[in-house]
Amino acid sequence: MANVLGADPNEAGGRRVIFLSGDDAAAKAAVAGLFGAAGFFPIDLGGLVTGGRLQQVGGPLPSHNLVRLPPLR
């Protein structure tokens, strides 16, 4: 997965999705801003208990390589 994150986040006309979770709203906003500035499309999964489980190894999200495409016109 590190090779995917190290690659260009712009793919197929969209931006690679990256998930974040945490219990500090200001910290999550800052991290989401950094991810966005790096070209990723950040998705906030909520707090650490719920969001953390979704993105941990063995959870449902780490094995997916998602790209958010722009809306159709």
N, C-alpha and C. Protein backbone atom coordinates (compact mmCIF):
# COMPACT_ATOMS: atom_id res chain seq x y z
N MET A 1 0.81 -1.19 0.00
CA MET A 1 0.00 0.00 0.00
C MET A 1 0.86 1.26 0.00
N ALA A 2 2.06 1.20 0.54
CA ALA A 2 2.94 2.37 0.56
C ALA A 2 3.26 2.83 -0.86
N ASN A 3 3.41 1.89 -1.78
CA ASN A 3 3.70 2.27 -3.16
C ASN A 3 2.53 3.03 -3.79
N VAL A 4 1.31 2.70 -3.41
CA VAL A 4 0.13 3.42 -3.91
C VAL A 4 0.11 4.83 -3.35
N LEU A 5 0.37 4.96 -2.05
CA LEU A 5 0.37 6.28 -1.42
C LEU A 5 1.53 7.15 -1.90
N GLY A 6 2.62 6.52 -2.31
CA GLY A 6 3.77 7.26 -2.80
C GLY A 6 3.64 7.68 -4.25
N ALA A 7 2.66 7.13 -4.95
CA ALA A 7 2.46 7.45 -6.36
C ALA A 7 1.65 8.74 -6.50
N ASP A 8 1.56 9.24 -7.70
CA ASP A 8 0.77 10.44 -7.98
C ASP A 8 -0.68 10.20 -7.57
N PRO A 9 -1.26 11.07 -6.72
CA PRO A 9 -2.63 10.86 -6.27
C PRO A 9 -3.68 11.16 -7.35
N ASN A 10 -3.26 11.74 -8.46
CA ASN A 10 -4.17 12.00 -9.56
C ASN A 10 -4.17 10.80 -10.49
N GLU A 11 -5.33 10.19 -10.64
CA GLU A 11 -5.41 8.98 -11.46
C GLU A 11 -6.76 8.92 -12.16
N ALA A 12 -6.75 8.54 -13.41
CA ALA A 12 -7.97 8.33 -14.19
C ALA A 12 -8.89 9.56 -14.17
N GLY A 13 -8.29 10.74 -14.11
CA GLY A 13 -9.08 11.97 -14.11
C GLY A 13 -9.64 12.32 -12.74
N GLY A 14 -9.27 11.58 -11.72
CA GLY A 14 -9.76 11.85 -10.37
C GLY A 14 -8.63 11.92 -9.37
N ARG A 15 -9.00 11.94 -8.10
CA ARG A 15 -8.01 12.03 -7.01
C ARG A 15 -8.14 10.80 -6.11
N ARG A 16 -6.99 10.25 -5.74
CA ARG A 16 -6.97 9.08 -4.87
C ARG A 16 -7.58 9.43 -3.52
N VAL A 17 -8.43 8.55 -3.01
CA VAL A 17 -9.08 8.72 -1.72
C VAL A 17 -8.12 8.30 -0.61
N ILE A 18 -8.09 9.08 0.46
CA ILE A 18 -7.33 8.72 1.65
C ILE A 18 -8.23 8.97 2.86
N PHE A 19 -8.27 8.01 3.75
CA PHE A 19 -9.16 8.09 4.91
C PHE A 19 -8.42 8.62 6.11
N LEU A 20 -9.14 9.34 6.98
CA LEU A 20 -8.57 9.78 8.24
C LEU A 20 -9.63 9.64 9.32
N SER A 21 -9.17 9.48 10.54
CA SER A 21 -10.07 9.42 11.69
C SER A 21 -9.32 9.97 12.89
N GLY A 22 -10.06 10.45 13.86
CA GLY A 22 -9.45 10.99 15.07
C GLY A 22 -10.50 11.62 15.95
N ASP A 23 -10.11 11.92 17.16
CA ASP A 23 -11.04 12.48 18.14
C ASP A 23 -10.88 13.98 18.33
N ASP A 24 -9.94 14.59 17.62
CA ASP A 24 -9.69 16.03 17.72
C ASP A 24 -10.07 16.68 16.39
N ALA A 25 -11.19 17.39 16.38
CA ALA A 25 -11.71 17.96 15.13
C ALA A 25 -10.72 18.92 14.48
N ALA A 26 -10.06 19.75 15.27
CA ALA A 26 -9.11 20.70 14.69
C ALA A 26 -7.91 19.98 14.07
N ALA A 27 -7.44 18.95 14.72
CA ALA A 27 -6.32 18.17 14.18
C ALA A 27 -6.73 17.47 12.88
N LYS A 28 -7.94 16.90 12.86
CA LYS A 28 -8.41 16.24 11.63
C LYS A 28 -8.54 17.24 10.49
N ALA A 29 -9.03 18.44 10.79
CA ALA A 29 -9.16 19.46 9.74
C ALA A 29 -7.79 19.84 9.19
N ALA A 30 -6.79 19.95 10.07
CA ALA A 30 -5.43 20.29 9.62
C ALA A 30 -4.86 19.17 8.75
N VAL A 31 -5.03 17.93 9.17
CA VAL A 31 -4.52 16.79 8.40
C VAL A 31 -5.25 16.68 7.07
N ALA A 32 -6.57 16.86 7.08
CA ALA A 32 -7.33 16.82 5.83
C ALA A 32 -6.85 17.90 4.87
N GLY A 33 -6.52 19.07 5.40
CA GLY A 33 -5.98 20.14 4.56
C GLY A 33 -4.65 19.77 3.93
N LEU A 34 -3.80 19.12 4.71
CA LEU A 34 -2.51 18.66 4.19
C LEU A 34 -2.70 17.60 3.10
N PHE A 35 -3.58 16.65 3.36
CA PHE A 35 -3.85 15.61 2.36
C PHE A 35 -4.40 16.24 1.08
N GLY A 36 -5.35 17.17 1.23
CA GLY A 36 -5.93 17.83 0.07
C GLY A 36 -4.88 18.61 -0.72
N ALA A 37 -4.00 19.32 -0.01
CA ALA A 37 -2.95 20.09 -0.67
C ALA A 37 -1.98 19.17 -1.41
N ALA A 38 -1.83 17.94 -0.93
CA ALA A 38 -0.95 16.97 -1.58
C ALA A 38 -1.62 16.30 -2.78
N GLY A 39 -2.92 16.61 -3.00
CA GLY A 39 -3.61 16.07 -4.17
C GLY A 39 -4.58 14.94 -3.88
N PHE A 40 -4.66 14.50 -2.64
CA PHE A 40 -5.57 13.42 -2.27
C PHE A 40 -6.99 13.96 -2.03
N PHE A 41 -7.96 13.06 -2.00
CA PHE A 41 -9.33 13.40 -1.63
C PHE A 41 -9.57 12.78 -0.25
N PRO A 42 -9.46 13.59 0.83
CA PRO A 42 -9.60 13.03 2.18
C PRO A 42 -11.06 12.76 2.54
N ILE A 43 -11.28 11.65 3.21
CA ILE A 43 -12.62 11.31 3.73
C ILE A 43 -12.48 11.05 5.22
N ASP A 44 -13.24 11.81 5.99
CA ASP A 44 -13.24 11.71 7.45
C ASP A 44 -14.17 10.58 7.87
N LEU A 45 -13.62 9.58 8.55
CA LEU A 45 -14.41 8.43 9.00
C LEU A 45 -14.92 8.58 10.43
N GLY A 46 -14.69 9.74 11.04
CA GLY A 46 -15.17 9.96 12.40
C GLY A 46 -14.10 9.72 13.44
N GLY A 47 -14.52 9.29 14.61
CA GLY A 47 -13.61 9.10 15.74
C GLY A 47 -12.71 7.89 15.58
N LEU A 48 -11.75 7.79 16.50
CA LEU A 48 -10.77 6.71 16.43
C LEU A 48 -11.38 5.33 16.62
N VAL A 49 -12.37 5.21 17.48
CA VAL A 49 -12.93 3.88 17.75
C VAL A 49 -13.57 3.32 16.49
N THR A 50 -14.46 4.07 15.87
CA THR A 50 -15.16 3.58 14.68
C THR A 50 -14.29 3.70 13.43
N GLY A 51 -13.81 4.90 13.16
CA GLY A 51 -13.02 5.13 11.95
C GLY A 51 -11.72 4.36 11.94
N GLY A 52 -11.09 4.26 13.10
CA GLY A 52 -9.83 3.52 13.18
C GLY A 52 -10.00 2.07 12.83
N ARG A 53 -11.07 1.47 13.30
CA ARG A 53 -11.33 0.05 12.98
C ARG A 53 -11.53 -0.16 11.49
N LEU A 54 -12.17 0.79 10.84
CA LEU A 54 -12.45 0.65 9.41
C LEU A 54 -11.18 0.65 8.57
N GLN A 55 -10.16 1.37 9.04
CA GLN A 55 -8.96 1.49 8.22
C GLN A 55 -7.76 0.70 8.72
N GLN A 56 -7.92 -0.03 9.82
CA GLN A 56 -6.83 -0.88 10.30
C GLN A 56 -6.66 -2.11 9.40
N VAL A 57 -5.47 -2.67 9.42
CA VAL A 57 -5.23 -3.93 8.69
C VAL A 57 -6.25 -4.95 9.19
N GLY A 58 -6.91 -5.61 8.27
CA GLY A 58 -7.96 -6.56 8.61
C GLY A 58 -9.34 -5.94 8.55
N GLY A 59 -9.40 -4.61 8.51
CA GLY A 59 -10.68 -3.91 8.38
C GLY A 59 -11.12 -3.89 6.92
N PRO A 60 -12.28 -3.31 6.65
CA PRO A 60 -12.82 -3.35 5.29
C PRO A 60 -12.19 -2.38 4.29
N LEU A 61 -11.43 -1.39 4.72
CA LEU A 61 -10.97 -0.36 3.79
C LEU A 61 -9.53 -0.45 3.29
N PRO A 62 -8.57 -0.96 4.04
CA PRO A 62 -7.18 -0.88 3.59
C PRO A 62 -6.88 -1.61 2.29
N SER A 63 -7.65 -2.57 1.92
CA SER A 63 -7.35 -3.34 0.71
C SER A 63 -7.92 -2.71 -0.56
N HIS A 64 -8.57 -1.55 -0.43
CA HIS A 64 -9.17 -0.90 -1.60
C HIS A 64 -8.34 0.29 -2.06
N ASN A 65 -8.23 0.44 -3.35
CA ASN A 65 -7.55 1.57 -3.97
C ASN A 65 -8.63 2.40 -4.64
N LEU A 66 -9.13 3.42 -3.93
CA LEU A 66 -10.27 4.19 -4.41
C LEU A 66 -9.84 5.52 -5.01
N VAL A 67 -10.53 5.93 -6.08
CA VAL A 67 -10.30 7.22 -6.73
C VAL A 67 -11.64 7.92 -6.84
N ARG A 68 -11.68 9.18 -6.37
CA ARG A 68 -12.91 9.96 -6.50
C ARG A 68 -12.85 10.67 -7.84
N LEU A 69 -13.82 10.39 -8.68
CA LEU A 69 -13.89 11.00 -10.00
C LEU A 69 -14.72 12.27 -9.90
N PRO A 70 -14.46 13.25 -10.76
CA PRO A 70 -15.27 14.47 -10.73
C PRO A 70 -16.69 14.16 -11.16
N PRO A 71 -17.65 14.99 -10.75
CA PRO A 71 -19.05 14.76 -11.14
C PRO A 71 -19.22 14.84 -12.66
N LEU A 72 -20.15 14.08 -13.18
CA LEU A 72 -20.46 14.13 -14.61
C LEU A 72 -21.19 15.42 -14.90
N ARG A 73 -20.96 15.94 -16.06
CA ARG A 73 -21.66 17.19 -16.45
C ARG A 73 -22.84 16.89 -17.29
